[in-house]
Protein backbone atom coordinates (compact mmCIF):
# COMPACT_ATOMS: atom_id res chain seq x y z
CA MET A 1 60.08 111.21 93.02
CA SER A 2 64.00 111.11 93.56
CA THR A 3 66.73 112.13 90.97
CA ILE A 4 69.66 110.46 90.30
CA TYR A 5 73.07 112.61 90.10
CA PHE A 6 76.61 112.50 89.28
CA THR A 7 79.54 114.26 90.12
CA SER A 8 83.31 113.65 91.45
CA ASP A 9 86.53 115.51 92.27
CA HIS A 10 85.38 117.71 94.99
CA HIS A 11 88.70 117.55 96.92
CA PHE A 12 86.73 119.34 100.17
CA GLY A 13 89.73 120.58 102.51
CA HIS A 14 92.29 120.66 99.84
CA ASP A 15 94.24 123.85 99.50
CA ASN A 16 96.32 122.43 96.42
CA ILE A 17 93.85 121.49 94.44
CA ILE A 18 92.78 125.67 93.58
CA LYS A 19 96.46 125.83 92.13
CA PHE A 20 96.51 122.49 90.55
CA CYS A 21 93.49 123.19 88.69
CA GLU A 22 93.18 126.95 88.51
CA ARG A 23 89.82 126.70 90.84
CA PRO A 24 88.80 130.53 90.85
CA PHE A 25 88.64 130.27 95.02
CA LYS A 26 90.76 132.50 96.97
CA THR A 27 90.58 129.99 99.81
CA VAL A 28 89.84 126.50 100.74
CA GLU A 29 87.13 127.68 103.14
CA GLU A 30 85.45 129.64 100.35
CA MET A 31 85.76 126.65 97.24
CA ASN A 32 84.01 124.25 100.08
CA GLU A 33 81.39 126.80 100.80
CA VAL A 34 80.92 127.17 97.15
CA LEU A 35 81.00 123.62 96.62
CA ILE A 36 78.26 122.92 99.08
CA ALA A 37 76.00 125.63 97.98
CA ARG A 38 75.58 124.51 93.88
CA TRP A 39 75.61 120.64 95.38
CA ASN A 40 72.55 122.06 97.22
CA GLU A 41 71.17 124.24 94.68
CA LYS A 42 70.64 121.15 92.64
CA ILE A 43 70.16 118.00 94.96
CA LYS A 44 67.28 117.95 97.22
CA PRO A 45 67.02 115.69 100.30
CA ASN A 46 65.59 112.01 98.78
CA ASP A 47 67.70 112.76 95.36
CA GLU A 48 70.94 109.74 94.87
CA VAL A 49 74.71 111.43 94.47
CA TYR A 50 76.68 109.13 92.96
CA HIS A 51 80.06 110.29 93.50
CA LEU A 52 83.10 109.07 91.62
CA GLY A 53 85.57 109.95 93.85
CA ASP A 54 88.08 112.25 95.65
CA PHE A 55 85.26 113.29 97.71
CA GLY A 56 88.15 115.20 100.09
CA MET A 57 91.74 115.90 100.73
CA THR A 58 92.62 116.59 103.92
CA ARG A 59 93.53 114.93 107.02
CA ASP A 60 90.71 116.94 109.15
CA TYR A 61 88.24 113.97 108.95
CA GLN A 62 85.65 116.01 110.70
CA LEU A 63 85.50 118.47 108.34
CA ILE A 64 84.47 115.75 105.81
CA SER A 65 81.79 114.62 108.43
CA ASP A 66 80.19 118.01 109.11
CA ILE A 67 80.25 118.75 104.92
CA LEU A 68 78.85 115.23 104.60
CA ASP A 69 76.17 116.33 107.32
CA ARG A 70 75.60 119.81 105.15
CA LEU A 71 74.79 117.88 101.63
CA ASN A 72 71.67 116.80 100.51
CA GLY A 73 70.91 113.55 99.12
CA ARG A 74 71.60 109.92 99.45
CA LYS A 75 75.27 109.44 98.86
CA TYR A 76 77.23 106.73 97.19
CA LEU A 77 81.01 106.58 96.75
CA ILE A 78 83.01 105.16 94.17
CA VAL A 79 86.85 105.34 95.84
CA GLY A 80 89.18 107.49 94.10
CA ASN A 81 92.83 108.01 94.52
CA HIS A 82 92.65 110.16 97.63
CA GLU A 83 89.56 109.21 100.32
CA SER A 84 91.11 108.53 103.34
CA SER A 85 89.36 111.37 105.00
CA ALA A 86 86.23 110.11 102.90
CA LEU A 87 86.75 106.41 104.16
CA LYS A 88 87.00 107.54 107.69
CA ASN A 89 83.53 108.51 107.16
CA ARG A 90 81.88 105.53 105.26
CA HIS A 91 79.05 105.38 107.39
CA LYS A 92 77.80 108.42 106.01
CA PHE A 93 77.19 106.82 102.52
CA GLN A 94 74.77 104.27 101.63
CA TRP A 95 77.95 102.37 100.31
CA VAL A 96 81.28 102.43 98.92
CA LYS A 97 82.51 100.61 96.31
CA ASP A 98 85.81 100.71 93.86
CA TYR A 99 83.47 100.06 90.44
CA HIS A 100 79.61 100.03 89.83
CA GLU A 101 77.15 99.22 87.22
CA LEU A 102 74.38 101.45 87.51
CA LYS A 103 71.19 100.71 85.83
CA VAL A 104 68.79 103.36 85.46
CA LYS A 105 65.04 103.29 83.98
CA ASP A 106 64.29 105.05 80.82
CA SER A 107 61.49 104.04 78.22
CA ASP A 108 63.54 105.68 76.06
CA CYS A 109 66.49 102.96 75.79
CA LYS A 110 66.35 99.40 74.63
CA ASN A 111 64.96 97.07 77.22
CA GLY A 112 63.91 100.02 79.04
CA ASN A 113 66.84 100.67 81.16
CA GLN A 114 70.47 102.42 80.74
CA ARG A 115 73.29 100.83 82.17
CA ILE A 116 76.35 103.11 83.08
CA ILE A 117 79.86 101.94 84.23
CA LEU A 118 80.77 104.15 87.20
CA PHE A 119 84.54 104.02 88.09
CA HIS A 120 86.86 106.93 89.22
CA TYR A 121 89.19 106.56 85.99
CA ALA A 122 88.99 107.11 82.55
CA MET A 123 88.54 103.61 80.35
CA LYS A 124 88.93 102.76 76.52
CA VAL A 125 86.24 100.11 76.70
CA TRP A 126 84.43 98.80 79.62
CA ARG A 127 81.41 96.03 79.79
CA SER A 128 78.94 96.40 76.97
CA SER A 129 80.15 99.68 75.60
CA PHE A 130 79.77 98.09 72.00
CA ARG A 131 75.87 98.20 73.41
CA GLY A 132 75.72 101.73 74.30
CA THR A 133 76.38 101.38 77.84
CA TRP A 134 77.42 104.67 79.37
CA HIS A 135 80.68 105.39 81.26
CA LEU A 136 81.05 108.27 83.64
CA TYR A 137 84.54 108.99 85.63
CA GLY A 138 86.39 111.86 87.24
CA HIS A 139 89.82 111.84 88.32
CA SER A 140 91.63 114.00 85.47
CA HIS A 141 90.17 117.51 85.94
CA GLY A 142 88.77 117.88 82.58
CA SER A 143 92.64 117.27 81.21
CA LEU A 144 91.40 114.36 79.04
CA PRO A 145 89.95 115.52 75.76
CA ASP A 146 86.28 114.20 75.42
CA ASP A 147 85.91 111.32 72.55
CA LYS A 148 82.85 112.17 70.62
CA HIS A 149 82.92 108.94 69.47
CA SER A 150 82.57 107.78 73.07
CA LEU A 151 79.52 106.97 75.49
CA SER A 152 82.00 108.72 78.19
CA PHE A 153 83.14 112.02 79.88
CA ASP A 154 84.40 113.60 82.64
CA ILE A 155 82.05 113.97 85.34
CA GLY A 156 84.25 115.89 87.81
CA VAL A 157 82.97 118.93 89.30
CA ASP A 158 86.09 120.95 87.18
CA CYS A 159 84.64 120.25 83.63
CA HIS A 160 81.11 121.15 84.97
CA ASN A 161 81.47 124.72 86.62
CA PHE A 162 81.39 122.92 89.84
CA TYR A 163 77.86 121.41 89.72
CA PRO A 164 76.65 117.65 89.92
CA LEU A 165 74.91 116.62 86.80
CA SER A 166 71.49 114.73 86.61
CA TYR A 167 70.79 111.72 84.90
CA GLN A 168 69.21 114.00 82.24
CA GLU A 169 71.60 116.38 81.97
CA VAL A 170 74.41 113.55 81.35
CA LYS A 171 71.62 111.79 78.53
CA ALA A 172 71.66 115.13 76.99
CA ILE A 173 75.86 115.27 76.58
CA MET A 174 75.42 111.80 75.43
CA LYS A 175 73.04 112.49 72.48
CA THR A 176 75.50 114.96 71.32
CA LYS A 177 78.10 111.98 70.83
CA GLU A 178 78.86 110.27 67.45
CA TRP A 179 79.05 107.25 68.47
CA THR A 180 77.96 104.28 66.33
CA PRO A 181 78.13 100.69 67.31
CA PRO A 182 81.48 99.02 66.13
CA PHE A 183 79.47 96.07 64.44
CA GLY A 184 76.99 98.49 62.73
CA HIS A 185 74.37 97.52 64.92
CA GLU A 186 73.70 97.64 68.77
CA VAL A 187 74.73 93.86 69.62
């Protein structure tokens, strides 16, 4: 049985991201290797991985191709603002989209499905946000304060010790939120 994972903003091959985000790596090669190891530590070959943008930032398209070959899972890409190297390797993703509305079967949810909006950028509102639909985003590298009253958060690696999160881990975080439906009940 496969597991669903979410992640964002690896910036494979991007030297300056180490300085910009104060990542604890001495070199881009070390960063790439740690990110690959942490990805594969959790994700198995048949798992599904939704990457919410900024997969890599380098002109070395072969490096990104080689990294994609080393990463476990069936990979889906939501396009970020630094995606030229990943787009040169788009055939290595199941699909590439700007935005996606995912339904995950979950017997704990009303109607048996949890809807999740996947987008590179944070939004204040999204389709069915008033009904309990979740929103996962990247781009901000942890610079946006988390809103405990919103069913959304930054899924980027800088916020999660450089690991992807499973659906169950995302669900546990969402359960800590103090969200209430805006009309007194889920519509």
